[in-house]
Amino acid sequence: MRTVTCECGAVYEVTETKVPFRDRDNFNCDRCGEEVERWNGSTIPSFRLIAGPPEKSGDAE
């Protein structure tokens, strides 16, 4: 198990599963839509959000 962090600050826990076929795909952040990871192989990652991006300060008036 490992973690990856999106540019927006969202943190994902990643688990990987080995499958008998190749898969080509990508995962986009649930919070901002940016691509977090791309893969092309027989090890398929699954992503679970474990921490959202930090709150922006100064937005409240």
N, C-alpha and C. Protein backbone atom coordinates (compact mmCIF):
# COMPACT_ATOMS: atom_id res chain seq x y z
N MET A 1 0.84 -1.17 0.00
CA MET A 1 0.00 0.00 0.00
C MET A 1 0.90 1.24 0.00
N ARG A 2 0.43 2.28 -0.69
CA ARG A 2 1.18 3.53 -0.76
C ARG A 2 0.19 4.68 -0.82
N THR A 3 0.69 5.89 -0.74
CA THR A 3 -0.18 7.06 -0.87
C THR A 3 0.35 7.94 -2.00
N VAL A 4 -0.57 8.65 -2.62
CA VAL A 4 -0.22 9.66 -3.62
C VAL A 4 -0.97 10.94 -3.27
N THR A 5 -0.37 12.06 -3.59
CA THR A 5 -0.97 13.36 -3.31
C THR A 5 -1.16 14.12 -4.61
N CYS A 6 -2.37 14.59 -4.83
CA CYS A 6 -2.70 15.40 -6.00
C CYS A 6 -2.10 16.80 -5.82
N GLU A 7 -1.98 17.52 -6.91
CA GLU A 7 -1.49 18.90 -6.86
C GLU A 7 -2.37 19.78 -5.97
N CYS A 8 -3.67 19.45 -5.84
CA CYS A 8 -4.58 20.25 -5.02
C CYS A 8 -4.42 19.95 -3.53
N GLY A 9 -3.71 18.87 -3.20
CA GLY A 9 -3.50 18.51 -1.80
C GLY A 9 -4.30 17.31 -1.33
N ALA A 10 -5.21 16.80 -2.16
CA ALA A 10 -5.97 15.60 -1.78
C ALA A 10 -5.00 14.41 -1.72
N VAL A 11 -5.18 13.57 -0.70
CA VAL A 11 -4.30 12.42 -0.50
C VAL A 11 -5.11 11.14 -0.70
N TYR A 12 -4.56 10.23 -1.49
CA TYR A 12 -5.22 8.96 -1.80
C TYR A 12 -4.37 7.80 -1.34
N GLU A 13 -5.03 6.80 -0.77
CA GLU A 13 -4.38 5.53 -0.46
C GLU A 13 -4.52 4.66 -1.71
N VAL A 14 -3.42 4.04 -2.12
CA VAL A 14 -3.42 3.24 -3.34
C VAL A 14 -3.10 1.79 -3.00
N THR A 15 -3.99 0.89 -3.43
CA THR A 15 -3.71 -0.54 -3.35
C THR A 15 -3.62 -1.06 -4.78
N GLU A 16 -2.76 -2.03 -4.99
CA GLU A 16 -2.54 -2.54 -6.34
C GLU A 16 -2.91 -4.01 -6.42
N THR A 17 -3.52 -4.38 -7.54
CA THR A 17 -3.93 -5.75 -7.79
C THR A 17 -3.30 -6.23 -9.09
N LYS A 18 -2.69 -7.40 -9.05
CA LYS A 18 -2.10 -8.01 -10.23
C LYS A 18 -3.19 -8.79 -10.95
N VAL A 19 -3.34 -8.54 -12.27
CA VAL A 19 -4.35 -9.23 -13.07
C VAL A 19 -3.67 -9.92 -14.25
N PRO A 20 -4.33 -10.91 -14.86
CA PRO A 20 -3.70 -11.67 -15.96
C PRO A 20 -3.76 -10.98 -17.32
N PHE A 21 -4.13 -9.71 -17.36
CA PHE A 21 -4.22 -8.98 -18.62
C PHE A 21 -3.66 -7.58 -18.43
N ARG A 22 -3.36 -6.91 -19.53
CA ARG A 22 -2.87 -5.53 -19.47
C ARG A 22 -4.06 -4.57 -19.43
N ASP A 23 -3.88 -3.50 -18.72
CA ASP A 23 -4.90 -2.46 -18.64
C ASP A 23 -4.22 -1.11 -18.83
N ARG A 24 -4.83 -0.26 -19.62
CA ARG A 24 -4.33 1.09 -19.82
C ARG A 24 -5.44 2.05 -19.39
N ASP A 25 -5.13 2.89 -18.41
CA ASP A 25 -6.15 3.80 -17.90
C ASP A 25 -5.47 4.91 -17.10
N ASN A 26 -6.27 5.75 -16.50
CA ASN A 26 -5.75 6.79 -15.63
C ASN A 26 -6.76 7.08 -14.54
N PHE A 27 -6.30 7.79 -13.50
CA PHE A 27 -7.17 8.18 -12.40
C PHE A 27 -7.10 9.69 -12.25
N ASN A 28 -8.27 10.33 -12.21
CA ASN A 28 -8.36 11.77 -11.99
C ASN A 28 -8.85 12.05 -10.58
N CYS A 29 -8.33 13.10 -9.99
CA CYS A 29 -8.70 13.51 -8.64
C CYS A 29 -10.20 13.76 -8.53
N ASP A 30 -10.80 13.24 -7.46
CA ASP A 30 -12.23 13.45 -7.21
C ASP A 30 -12.54 14.90 -6.85
N ARG A 31 -11.56 15.62 -6.34
CA ARG A 31 -11.77 16.99 -5.87
C ARG A 31 -11.56 18.04 -6.95
N CYS A 32 -10.49 17.91 -7.76
CA CYS A 32 -10.18 18.97 -8.72
C CYS A 32 -10.19 18.50 -10.17
N GLY A 33 -10.20 17.19 -10.40
CA GLY A 33 -10.25 16.66 -11.76
C GLY A 33 -8.90 16.47 -12.44
N GLU A 34 -7.82 16.86 -11.79
CA GLU A 34 -6.49 16.69 -12.38
C GLU A 34 -6.10 15.22 -12.41
N GLU A 35 -5.32 14.84 -13.42
CA GLU A 35 -4.82 13.46 -13.48
C GLU A 35 -3.81 13.23 -12.36
N VAL A 36 -4.04 12.18 -11.60
CA VAL A 36 -3.15 11.83 -10.49
C VAL A 36 -2.16 10.76 -10.92
N GLU A 37 -2.65 9.77 -11.69
CA GLU A 37 -1.78 8.67 -12.10
C GLU A 37 -2.30 8.04 -13.37
N ARG A 38 -1.38 7.52 -14.18
CA ARG A 38 -1.70 6.81 -15.42
C ARG A 38 -0.95 5.49 -15.37
N TRP A 39 -1.55 4.42 -15.91
CA TRP A 39 -0.88 3.13 -15.91
C TRP A 39 -1.15 2.39 -17.22
N ASN A 40 -0.26 1.44 -17.50
CA ASN A 40 -0.35 0.60 -18.69
C ASN A 40 0.36 -0.70 -18.36
N GLY A 41 -0.37 -1.65 -17.81
CA GLY A 41 0.25 -2.90 -17.41
C GLY A 41 -0.74 -3.82 -16.72
N SER A 42 -0.18 -4.83 -16.07
CA SER A 42 -1.04 -5.82 -15.42
C SER A 42 -1.15 -5.61 -13.91
N THR A 43 -0.64 -4.50 -13.42
CA THR A 43 -0.81 -4.13 -12.01
C THR A 43 -1.77 -2.93 -11.99
N ILE A 44 -2.96 -3.15 -11.45
CA ILE A 44 -4.03 -2.15 -11.50
C ILE A 44 -4.19 -1.48 -10.14
N PRO A 45 -4.03 -0.15 -10.08
CA PRO A 45 -4.20 0.54 -8.81
C PRO A 45 -5.67 0.85 -8.52
N SER A 46 -6.01 0.88 -7.23
CA SER A 46 -7.31 1.34 -6.75
C SER A 46 -7.05 2.48 -5.79
N PHE A 47 -7.82 3.56 -5.91
CA PHE A 47 -7.58 4.78 -5.14
C PHE A 47 -8.71 5.02 -4.16
N ARG A 48 -8.35 5.41 -2.94
CA ARG A 48 -9.33 5.76 -1.91
C ARG A 48 -8.90 7.07 -1.28
N LEU A 49 -9.78 8.06 -1.32
CA LEU A 49 -9.48 9.37 -0.73
C LEU A 49 -9.37 9.23 0.78
N ILE A 50 -8.24 9.66 1.33
CA ILE A 50 -8.07 9.59 2.78
C ILE A 50 -7.96 10.97 3.42
N ALA A 51 -7.70 12.01 2.62
CA ALA A 51 -7.65 13.37 3.13
C ALA A 51 -7.94 14.33 2.00
N GLY A 52 -8.89 15.23 2.24
CA GLY A 52 -9.22 16.22 1.23
C GLY A 52 -8.15 17.29 1.14
N PRO A 53 -8.22 18.14 0.13
CA PRO A 53 -7.26 19.23 0.03
C PRO A 53 -7.44 20.19 1.19
N PRO A 54 -6.37 20.87 1.58
CA PRO A 54 -6.49 21.84 2.68
C PRO A 54 -7.45 22.97 2.33
N GLU A 55 -8.13 23.48 3.34
CA GLU A 55 -9.04 24.60 3.15
C GLU A 55 -8.24 25.84 2.80
N LYS A 56 -8.77 26.63 1.87
CA LYS A 56 -8.10 27.88 1.50
C LYS A 56 -8.40 28.92 2.57
N SER A 57 -7.36 29.57 3.07
CA SER A 57 -7.58 30.62 4.07
C SER A 57 -7.88 31.94 3.38
N GLY A 58 -8.63 32.77 4.04
CA GLY A 58 -8.95 34.09 3.50
C GLY A 58 -10.16 34.12 2.60
N ASP A 59 -10.86 33.00 2.44
CA ASP A 59 -12.05 32.98 1.58
C ASP A 59 -13.28 33.54 2.32
N ALA A 60 -13.32 33.42 3.63
CA ALA A 60 -14.47 33.90 4.38
C ALA A 60 -14.34 35.40 4.61
N GLU A 61 -15.47 36.09 4.56
CA GLU A 61 -15.42 37.54 4.78
C GLU A 61 -16.13 37.91 6.04
